[in-house]
Amino acid sequence: MAKGPDAFRTISEAADEVGVPQHVLRFWESRFTFIKPMKRAGGRRFYRPGDLVMLRGIRRLLHEEGYTIKGVQRLYKEEGIDRLLAAATGEKPAPHAAEAAPADQAASAPMPVAAADASGLARALSGLEAAKARLDAVLRRG
């Protein structure tokens, strides 16, 4: 007899439904304080239907969208649980902060630069290139 959609799930059932091993769910509990399955005597975990939706969102963000653990933590802190729930359904609201975006998206998104800032950036780049040349020379001698 199959469980109803509103029934609680054991960790093995939750892992199967979310598509990750059981140890991953336990690890996520240690990293994401907002994951709080109900625990019975003996520490046996039971996941509510809402927990499963949240776990699907976390899996999608980590495994499909390229977020890091810290990125998901920041996303939760800045945008709340609704953002994680939206990820479970495949919705992609724009992140509020550049740090919350996946690393490959943040690195490839060009930022507009004012003309006045361009000269300052050019000076900074020259300084960095000179420092790198000095470091390379030291490393060659060492």
Protein backbone atom coordinates (compact mmCIF):
# COMPACT_ATOMS: atom_id res chain seq x y z
CA MET A 1 0.00 0.00 0.00
CA ALA A 2 1.49 3.34 -1.09
CA LYS A 3 1.62 6.32 1.23
CA GLY A 4 -0.55 9.33 0.58
CA PRO A 5 0.98 12.63 -0.57
CA ASP A 6 0.55 14.14 2.91
CA ALA A 7 2.19 11.26 4.79
CA PHE A 8 5.51 11.67 6.53
CA ARG A 9 8.50 9.94 4.94
CA THR A 10 11.40 8.10 6.53
CA ILE A 11 14.90 9.15 5.55
CA SER A 12 15.18 6.32 3.03
CA GLU A 13 11.86 7.26 1.43
CA ALA A 14 12.81 10.95 1.42
CA ALA A 15 16.20 10.18 -0.13
CA ASP A 16 14.54 8.16 -2.89
CA GLU A 17 11.98 10.89 -3.61
CA VAL A 18 14.56 13.70 -3.64
CA GLY A 19 17.10 11.67 -5.62
CA VAL A 20 20.07 11.80 -3.25
CA PRO A 21 21.62 9.26 -0.86
CA GLN A 22 20.57 9.25 2.80
CA HIS A 23 23.96 10.50 3.98
CA VAL A 24 23.51 13.59 1.81
CA LEU A 25 20.26 14.45 3.61
CA ARG A 26 22.05 14.09 6.96
CA PHE A 27 24.90 16.29 5.70
CA TRP A 28 22.46 18.93 4.46
CA GLU A 29 20.86 18.99 7.92
CA SER A 30 24.26 19.93 9.35
CA ARG A 31 24.76 22.73 6.79
CA PHE A 32 21.23 24.10 6.48
CA THR A 33 19.76 24.86 9.89
CA PHE A 34 16.31 25.33 8.37
CA ILE A 35 16.06 21.61 7.52
CA LYS A 36 14.40 20.16 10.60
CA PRO A 37 12.72 16.81 10.10
CA MET A 38 10.65 15.55 12.96
CA LYS A 39 12.68 13.13 15.10
CA ARG A 40 11.17 10.30 17.11
CA ALA A 41 12.69 8.40 20.01
CA GLY A 42 15.98 6.90 18.92
CA GLY A 43 16.63 9.74 16.48
CA ARG A 44 14.58 8.34 13.60
CA ARG A 45 13.81 11.10 11.13
CA PHE A 46 10.44 11.75 9.53
CA TYR A 47 10.17 14.29 6.74
CA ARG A 48 6.99 16.30 6.20
CA PRO A 49 5.72 16.98 2.67
CA GLY A 50 6.98 20.58 2.97
CA ASP A 51 10.44 19.29 3.94
CA LEU A 52 10.53 17.25 0.74
CA VAL A 53 9.70 20.28 -1.40
CA MET A 54 12.47 22.26 0.29
CA LEU A 55 14.94 19.39 -0.19
CA ARG A 56 14.05 19.19 -3.88
CA GLY A 57 14.76 22.91 -4.17
CA ILE A 58 18.13 22.55 -2.47
CA ARG A 59 19.04 19.61 -4.72
CA ARG A 60 18.09 21.59 -7.81
CA LEU A 61 20.11 24.64 -6.72
CA LEU A 62 23.18 22.57 -5.84
CA HIS A 63 23.14 19.90 -8.53
CA GLU A 64 21.47 21.57 -11.49
CA GLU A 65 22.02 25.31 -11.13
CA GLY A 66 25.59 25.19 -9.83
CA TYR A 67 25.14 26.89 -6.47
CA THR A 68 27.55 26.14 -3.64
CA ILE A 69 26.44 25.31 -0.09
CA LYS A 70 27.37 28.86 0.95
CA GLY A 71 25.45 30.23 -2.03
CA VAL A 72 22.28 28.39 -1.00
CA GLN A 73 22.77 29.51 2.63
CA ARG A 74 23.09 33.11 1.47
CA LEU A 75 20.11 32.76 -0.85
CA TYR A 76 18.00 31.50 2.05
CA LYS A 77 19.22 34.31 4.30
CA GLU A 78 18.51 37.02 1.73
CA GLU A 79 15.37 35.71 0.01
CA GLY A 80 13.90 33.22 2.46
CA ILE A 81 12.30 29.84 2.13
CA ASP A 82 10.12 30.94 -0.80
CA ARG A 83 13.20 31.05 -3.04
CA LEU A 84 14.06 27.44 -2.17
CA LEU A 85 10.49 26.33 -2.74
CA ALA A 86 10.46 28.13 -6.11
CA ALA A 87 13.62 26.26 -7.10
CA ALA A 88 11.87 22.96 -6.43
CA THR A 89 9.33 23.75 -9.14
CA GLY A 90 11.94 25.04 -11.57
CA GLU A 91 11.13 28.72 -11.20
CA LYS A 92 14.19 30.95 -11.36
CA PRO A 93 13.64 34.36 -9.79
CA ALA A 94 16.63 36.64 -10.19
CA PRO A 95 19.00 36.51 -7.21
CA HIS A 96 19.15 39.67 -5.11
CA ALA A 97 22.93 39.63 -4.71
CA ALA A 98 25.74 38.78 -7.09
CA GLU A 99 27.25 36.48 -4.47
CA ALA A 100 24.09 34.35 -4.43
CA ALA A 101 24.29 33.68 -8.17
CA PRO A 102 26.11 30.60 -9.40
CA ALA A 103 29.81 31.28 -9.86
CA ASP A 104 29.76 30.77 -13.64
CA GLN A 105 26.89 33.28 -14.06
CA ALA A 106 28.48 35.90 -11.79
CA ALA A 107 31.81 35.68 -13.60
CA SER A 108 30.32 35.95 -17.07
CA ALA A 109 27.94 38.84 -16.40
CA PRO A 110 29.61 42.07 -17.59
CA MET A 111 29.19 45.07 -15.33
CA PRO A 112 28.90 48.54 -16.84
CA VAL A 113 31.89 50.76 -15.99
CA ALA A 114 31.79 54.54 -15.99
CA ALA A 115 34.57 56.29 -17.93
CA ALA A 116 35.96 57.82 -14.73
CA ASP A 117 36.19 54.39 -13.14
CA ALA A 118 37.92 52.90 -16.19
CA SER A 119 41.12 54.89 -15.63
CA GLY A 120 41.20 53.83 -11.98
CA LEU A 121 40.71 50.21 -12.99
CA ALA A 122 43.48 50.50 -15.56
CA ARG A 123 45.87 51.85 -12.87
CA ALA A 124 44.86 49.03 -10.52
CA LEU A 125 45.46 46.46 -13.27
CA SER A 126 48.91 47.92 -13.97
CA GLY A 127 49.76 47.70 -10.29
CA LEU A 128 48.59 44.09 -10.12
CA GLU A 129 50.58 43.17 -13.23
CA ALA A 130 53.70 44.75 -11.73
CA ALA A 131 53.18 42.88 -8.46
CA LYS A 132 52.74 39.63 -10.37
CA ALA A 133 55.95 40.24 -12.31
CA ARG A 134 57.83 40.81 -9.03
CA LEU A 135 56.32 37.66 -7.51
CA ASP A 136 57.20 35.62 -10.60
CA ALA A 137 60.80 36.88 -10.38
CA VAL A 138 61.04 35.88 -6.71
CA LEU A 139 59.60 32.44 -7.46
CA ARG A 140 62.08 31.88 -10.31
CA ARG A 141 65.01 32.70 -7.97
CA GLY A 142 63.65 30.52 -5.13
